Protein backbone atom coordinates (compact mmCIF):
# COMPACT_ATOMS: atom_id res chain seq x y z
CA MET A 1 68.11 51.16 39.64
CA THR A 2 69.61 48.41 41.77
CA GLN A 3 68.45 44.83 41.51
CA THR A 4 66.63 44.52 44.84
CA PHE A 5 65.57 46.73 47.71
CA ARG A 6 68.20 45.00 49.88
CA ASP A 7 70.91 46.60 47.72
CA LEU A 8 69.71 50.11 48.57
CA ILE A 9 71.80 52.00 51.12
CA ALA A 10 68.61 53.77 52.27
CA TRP A 11 66.95 50.44 53.09
CA GLN A 12 70.06 49.20 54.91
CA GLN A 13 70.31 52.40 56.95
CA GLY A 14 66.57 52.35 57.67
CA LYS A 15 66.78 48.81 58.97
CA ALA A 16 69.79 49.70 61.15
CA LEU A 17 67.90 52.70 62.53
CA ALA A 18 64.94 50.45 63.34
CA ARG A 19 67.20 48.10 65.28
CA GLY A 20 68.62 51.06 67.22
CA VAL A 21 65.17 52.38 68.09
CA TYR A 22 64.00 48.95 69.21
CA GLU A 23 67.05 48.61 71.45
CA ILE A 24 66.60 52.02 73.05
CA THR A 25 62.83 51.74 73.53
CA ARG A 26 63.35 48.60 75.63
CA LEU A 27 64.62 51.00 78.30
CA PHE A 28 61.56 53.27 78.30
CA PRO A 29 59.28 53.25 81.35
CA ASP A 30 56.45 50.72 81.38
CA GLU A 31 53.83 53.47 81.20
CA GLU A 32 55.12 54.35 77.71
CA ARG A 33 54.74 50.80 76.39
CA PHE A 34 51.48 51.71 74.65
CA GLY A 35 52.41 55.35 74.00
CA LEU A 36 55.70 56.61 72.69
CA VAL A 37 57.24 53.13 72.35
CA ILE A 38 54.51 51.98 69.97
CA GLN A 39 54.59 55.26 68.02
CA LEU A 40 58.37 55.16 67.60
CA ARG A 41 58.49 51.51 66.64
CA ARG A 42 55.69 51.78 64.08
CA ALA A 43 57.19 54.87 62.48
CA VAL A 44 60.72 53.46 62.32
CA VAL A 45 59.63 50.10 60.90
CA SER A 46 57.69 51.88 58.17
CA ILE A 47 60.88 53.50 56.86
CA PRO A 48 62.59 50.40 55.40
CA SER A 49 59.18 48.84 54.72
CA ASN A 50 58.12 51.73 52.48
CA ILE A 51 61.48 51.68 50.72
CA ALA A 52 61.07 47.97 50.00
CA GLU A 53 57.45 48.31 48.91
CA GLY A 54 58.22 51.22 46.64
CA ARG A 55 61.11 49.40 45.01
CA GLY A 56 58.83 46.44 44.41
CA ARG A 57 56.18 48.50 42.64
CA GLY A 58 58.23 48.67 39.48
CA THR A 59 57.71 52.27 38.39
CA LYS A 60 59.81 55.31 39.21
CA LYS A 61 56.70 57.30 40.10
CA ASP A 62 55.54 54.71 42.64
CA PHE A 63 59.06 54.29 43.99
CA ALA A 64 59.40 58.06 44.51
CA HIS A 65 56.01 58.15 46.26
CA PHE A 66 57.00 55.43 48.73
CA LEU A 67 60.39 57.04 49.31
CA MET A 68 58.57 60.23 50.28
CA GLN A 69 56.40 58.18 52.64
CA ALA A 70 59.58 56.76 54.18
CA ARG A 71 60.97 60.28 54.55
CA GLY A 72 57.79 61.40 56.32
CA SER A 73 58.10 58.48 58.74
CA LEU A 74 61.74 59.39 59.30
CA TYR A 75 60.71 62.91 60.31
CA GLU A 76 58.19 61.40 62.74
CA VAL A 77 60.99 59.31 64.27
CA GLU A 78 63.25 62.35 64.62
CA THR A 79 60.49 64.26 66.41
CA GLN A 80 59.74 61.36 68.72
CA ILE A 81 63.42 60.83 69.58
CA GLU A 82 63.75 64.49 70.48
CA LEU A 83 60.63 64.25 72.65
CA ALA A 84 61.90 61.07 74.33
CA HIS A 85 65.16 62.86 75.11
CA GLU A 86 63.32 65.85 76.56
CA LEU A 87 61.30 63.46 78.74
CA HIS A 88 64.57 61.83 79.90
CA TYR A 89 63.72 58.46 78.35
CA VAL A 90 66.78 58.64 76.10
CA ASP A 91 70.12 60.01 77.27
CA ALA A 92 71.98 62.66 75.29
CA VAL A 93 74.53 60.23 73.83
CA ASN A 94 71.93 57.81 72.47
CA ALA A 95 69.65 60.61 71.26
CA ALA A 96 72.57 62.19 69.38
CA ARG A 97 73.53 58.82 67.87
CA LEU A 98 70.00 58.13 66.66
CA LEU A 99 69.47 61.66 65.37
CA LYS A 100 72.76 61.49 63.47
CA ALA A 101 71.58 58.25 61.85
CA CYS A 102 68.30 59.99 60.96
CA ASP A 103 70.19 62.89 59.40
CA GLU A 104 72.35 60.57 57.31
CA LEU A 105 69.33 58.57 56.17
CA SER A 106 67.49 61.78 55.30
CA ARG A 107 70.33 62.82 53.00
CA VAL A 108 70.38 59.40 51.33
CA LEU A 109 66.61 59.39 50.86
CA ASN A 110 66.63 62.93 49.43
CA GLY A 111 69.38 61.98 47.01
CA LEU A 112 67.52 58.87 45.93
CA ILE A 113 64.26 60.78 45.49
CA ASN A 114 66.04 63.44 43.42
CA SER A 115 67.77 60.82 41.28
CA ILE A 116 64.54 59.14 40.20
CA SER A 117 62.18 62.12 40.06
């Protein structure tokens, strides 16, 4: 395993995805401030957070568990981005960009989970 969670590509991609979601949710309507905005932000922040926490636990079993938690949060984010696009809160270009980042992160997480399980 790598030395720190910061060295993990999955953590780096998760953090970049979180920045992208925060940027795009600034444009959502005010009525979504306590709805979809909060849901998206909480889910996306939990992705790199779970990766970091799992790496810090020290065992492969715990790390794999937290990586699976991160993957579950990633799937939540994908669903919420699709919904936000359908509601016209996110345009097609930005939705496609974020969903592509989700897809890439999903592949990295799956590979990492498989490598330590």
